[in-house]
Amino acid sequence: MRSAVGLACAWTQQLALALWLGGGIVLGAVSAPATFGLARDAGQTDWSQPLYRFAGTALGEGFRRFNSLAMVCAAVALLTGLAAAGLLRWNRPAAVLAEVLLAGATGGMGFLTVSLFPRMLAERAAGRMELFDAGHHAYTQAFGGVLILLLAAQGLILWMANQAREPRPHAVEVSS
């Protein structure tokens, strides 16, 4: 029973990390460039033009929703990771390091969600596009850092899961 619950926790953690990491990559590396690319292809290249402004508004809403999802995923990943590590008896130092990396990513995502992103939206709404652009640059850089922490944590988690599956060598008695 202990290992079944541990496996369920490990599976849930993997799902949360996949949603968080995958969602961020899809929005940042696929949706945003494609959406603004379509606006540029239509000849609209700045915020004074309606299609470009719509692209920014639509992506802003997508990122607002993603930020909320990412925070839920962060909490789930942290909690289920602790449970899986304990129940499946993963390598303790590696499990602690993975949790520290996830906590760092969670803290970064929390800052982006409750501080930087709302400030960016306020600057855009006020028409202070220079400040919005600076905030957008900071958001992009910080989110890149969050993704690096997530990838490092994911690597450790996969290593621990693999170590737990490999058969341990048994002591061999030698008689003389």
Protein backbone atom coordinates (compact mmCIF):
# COMPACT_ATOMS: atom_id res chain seq x y z
CA MET A 1 0.00 0.00 0.00
CA ARG A 2 2.83 2.36 0.90
CA SER A 3 4.44 2.03 -2.53
CA ALA A 4 1.07 2.40 -4.33
CA VAL A 5 0.44 5.71 -2.58
CA GLY A 6 4.04 6.74 -3.21
CA LEU A 7 3.70 5.94 -6.91
CA ALA A 8 0.44 7.92 -7.08
CA CYS A 9 2.22 10.88 -5.47
CA ALA A 10 5.16 10.58 -7.89
CA TRP A 11 2.76 10.38 -10.84
CA THR A 12 0.81 13.42 -9.61
CA GLN A 13 4.06 15.36 -9.17
CA GLN A 14 5.10 14.50 -12.73
CA LEU A 15 1.72 15.68 -14.04
CA ALA A 16 1.98 18.98 -12.15
CA LEU A 17 5.52 19.58 -13.41
CA ALA A 18 4.52 18.71 -16.99
CA LEU A 19 1.64 21.19 -16.90
CA TRP A 20 3.81 23.91 -15.38
CA LEU A 21 6.85 23.42 -17.59
CA GLY A 22 4.96 22.52 -20.75
CA GLY A 23 2.45 25.33 -20.38
CA GLY A 24 5.19 27.90 -19.95
CA ILE A 25 7.06 26.67 -22.99
CA VAL A 26 3.95 26.56 -25.17
CA LEU A 27 2.85 30.07 -24.20
CA GLY A 28 6.28 31.68 -24.28
CA ALA A 29 7.96 29.91 -27.17
CA VAL A 30 5.01 29.02 -29.39
CA SER A 31 1.85 31.08 -28.78
CA ALA A 32 3.38 34.51 -28.12
CA PRO A 33 5.71 34.56 -31.14
CA ALA A 34 2.99 33.15 -33.42
CA THR A 35 0.35 35.64 -32.24
CA PHE A 36 2.58 38.69 -32.55
CA GLY A 37 3.97 37.30 -35.81
CA LEU A 38 0.47 37.29 -37.31
CA ALA A 39 -0.02 40.90 -36.24
CA ARG A 40 3.32 41.87 -37.79
CA ASP A 41 2.45 39.99 -40.99
CA ALA A 42 -0.68 42.14 -41.19
CA GLY A 43 1.55 45.24 -41.01
CA GLN A 44 0.80 46.06 -37.39
CA THR A 45 3.94 46.51 -35.35
CA ASP A 46 3.15 48.74 -32.37
CA TRP A 47 0.65 49.19 -29.56
CA SER A 48 -1.22 52.00 -31.31
CA GLN A 49 -2.57 49.50 -33.86
CA PRO A 50 -5.64 47.41 -32.97
CA LEU A 51 -4.49 43.95 -34.08
CA TYR A 52 -1.16 44.29 -32.28
CA ARG A 53 -2.95 45.59 -29.16
CA PHE A 54 -5.41 42.67 -29.36
CA ALA A 55 -2.52 40.20 -29.59
CA GLY A 56 -1.04 41.68 -26.41
CA THR A 57 -4.37 41.64 -24.60
CA ALA A 58 -5.13 38.04 -25.62
CA LEU A 59 -1.68 36.81 -24.58
CA GLY A 60 -1.89 38.79 -21.36
CA GLU A 61 -5.07 36.92 -20.47
CA GLY A 62 -3.42 33.61 -21.38
CA PHE A 63 -0.44 34.36 -19.15
CA ARG A 64 -2.71 35.56 -16.32
CA ARG A 65 -4.53 32.21 -16.37
CA PHE A 66 -1.29 30.29 -16.79
CA ASN A 67 0.25 32.05 -13.78
CA SER A 68 -2.64 30.83 -11.62
CA LEU A 69 -2.31 27.30 -12.98
CA ALA A 70 1.45 27.38 -12.41
CA MET A 71 0.96 28.32 -8.74
CA VAL A 72 -1.44 25.39 -8.24
CA CYS A 73 1.02 23.08 -10.02
CA ALA A 74 3.84 24.39 -7.83
CA ALA A 75 1.96 23.60 -4.62
CA VAL A 76 0.97 20.15 -5.89
CA ALA A 77 4.53 19.37 -7.06
CA LEU A 78 6.06 20.40 -3.73
CA LEU A 79 3.61 18.45 -1.58
CA THR A 80 3.45 15.29 -3.68
CA GLY A 81 7.23 15.36 -4.09
CA LEU A 82 7.70 15.30 -0.33
CA ALA A 83 5.26 12.43 0.00
CA ALA A 84 6.76 10.42 -2.88
CA ALA A 85 10.30 10.86 -1.58
CA GLY A 86 9.34 9.61 1.85
CA LEU A 87 7.06 6.77 0.78
CA LEU A 88 9.34 5.48 -1.97
CA ARG A 89 12.50 6.06 0.08
CA TRP A 90 14.25 8.15 -2.53
CA ASN A 91 17.80 9.36 -2.02
CA ARG A 92 17.38 11.88 0.82
CA PRO A 93 20.01 14.49 -0.19
CA ALA A 94 18.78 14.47 -3.79
CA ALA A 95 15.14 14.70 -2.63
CA VAL A 96 15.97 17.69 -0.43
CA LEU A 97 17.82 19.38 -3.29
CA ALA A 98 14.91 18.73 -5.67
CA GLU A 99 12.49 20.28 -3.15
CA VAL A 100 14.79 23.29 -2.71
CA LEU A 101 14.89 23.77 -6.49
CA LEU A 102 11.10 23.46 -6.66
CA ALA A 103 10.73 25.91 -3.78
CA GLY A 104 12.96 28.38 -5.63
CA ALA A 105 10.89 27.97 -8.79
CA THR A 106 7.72 28.41 -6.74
CA GLY A 107 9.06 31.58 -5.15
CA GLY A 108 10.04 32.95 -8.55
CA MET A 109 6.66 32.09 -10.01
CA GLY A 110 4.95 33.65 -7.01
CA PHE A 111 6.85 36.90 -7.55
CA LEU A 112 5.90 36.90 -11.22
CA THR A 113 2.26 36.11 -10.49
CA VAL A 114 1.48 38.50 -7.64
CA SER A 115 3.95 41.31 -8.22
CA LEU A 116 5.55 41.71 -11.63
CA PHE A 117 2.72 40.59 -13.92
CA PRO A 118 0.01 42.80 -12.33
CA ARG A 119 2.44 45.73 -12.46
CA MET A 120 3.04 45.07 -16.17
CA LEU A 121 -0.69 45.04 -16.86
CA ALA A 122 -1.15 48.29 -14.93
CA GLU A 123 1.63 49.97 -16.93
CA ARG A 124 0.09 48.80 -20.20
CA ALA A 125 -3.39 49.98 -19.16
CA ALA A 126 -1.93 53.39 -18.26
CA GLY A 127 -0.23 53.61 -21.65
CA ARG A 128 3.27 53.62 -20.14
CA MET A 129 4.64 51.24 -22.75
CA GLU A 130 8.29 51.90 -21.93
CA LEU A 131 7.68 50.69 -18.36
CA PHE A 132 5.58 47.80 -19.65
CA ASP A 133 8.39 46.76 -22.00
CA ALA A 134 10.92 46.87 -19.15
CA GLY A 135 8.59 44.73 -17.02
CA HIS A 136 8.05 42.33 -19.90
CA HIS A 137 11.81 41.94 -20.31
CA ALA A 138 12.20 41.26 -16.58
CA TYR A 139 9.31 38.76 -16.67
CA THR A 140 10.88 36.91 -19.59
CA GLN A 141 14.26 36.70 -17.88
CA ALA A 142 12.82 35.64 -14.53
CA PHE A 143 10.57 33.04 -16.14
CA GLY A 144 13.61 31.62 -17.91
CA GLY A 145 15.20 31.22 -14.49
CA VAL A 146 12.08 29.46 -13.18
CA LEU A 147 12.21 27.04 -16.13
CA ILE A 148 15.89 26.28 -15.45
CA LEU A 149 15.09 25.49 -11.81
CA LEU A 150 12.20 23.26 -12.93
CA LEU A 151 14.39 21.39 -15.40
CA ALA A 152 17.08 20.84 -12.77
CA ALA A 153 14.50 19.58 -10.27
CA GLN A 154 12.94 17.34 -12.91
CA GLY A 155 16.33 15.85 -13.73
CA LEU A 156 16.93 15.02 -10.07
CA ILE A 157 13.45 13.56 -9.67
CA LEU A 158 13.88 11.33 -12.69
CA TRP A 159 17.30 10.22 -11.43
CA MET A 160 15.84 9.36 -8.01
CA ALA A 161 12.95 7.45 -9.56
CA ASN A 162 15.38 5.49 -11.73
CA GLN A 163 17.65 4.73 -8.77
CA ALA A 164 14.68 3.44 -6.81
CA ARG A 165 13.80 0.99 -9.61
CA GLU A 166 17.27 -0.44 -10.12
CA PRO A 167 17.85 -3.62 -8.13
CA ARG A 168 20.27 -3.16 -5.32
CA PRO A 169 23.18 -5.62 -5.21
CA HIS A 170 22.92 -8.11 -2.38
CA ALA A 171 25.81 -8.92 -0.15
CA VAL A 172 27.47 -12.13 -1.23
CA GLU A 173 28.75 -14.39 1.47
CA VAL A 174 32.08 -15.97 0.78
CA SER A 175 32.87 -19.13 2.70
CA SER A 176 36.36 -20.30 3.19
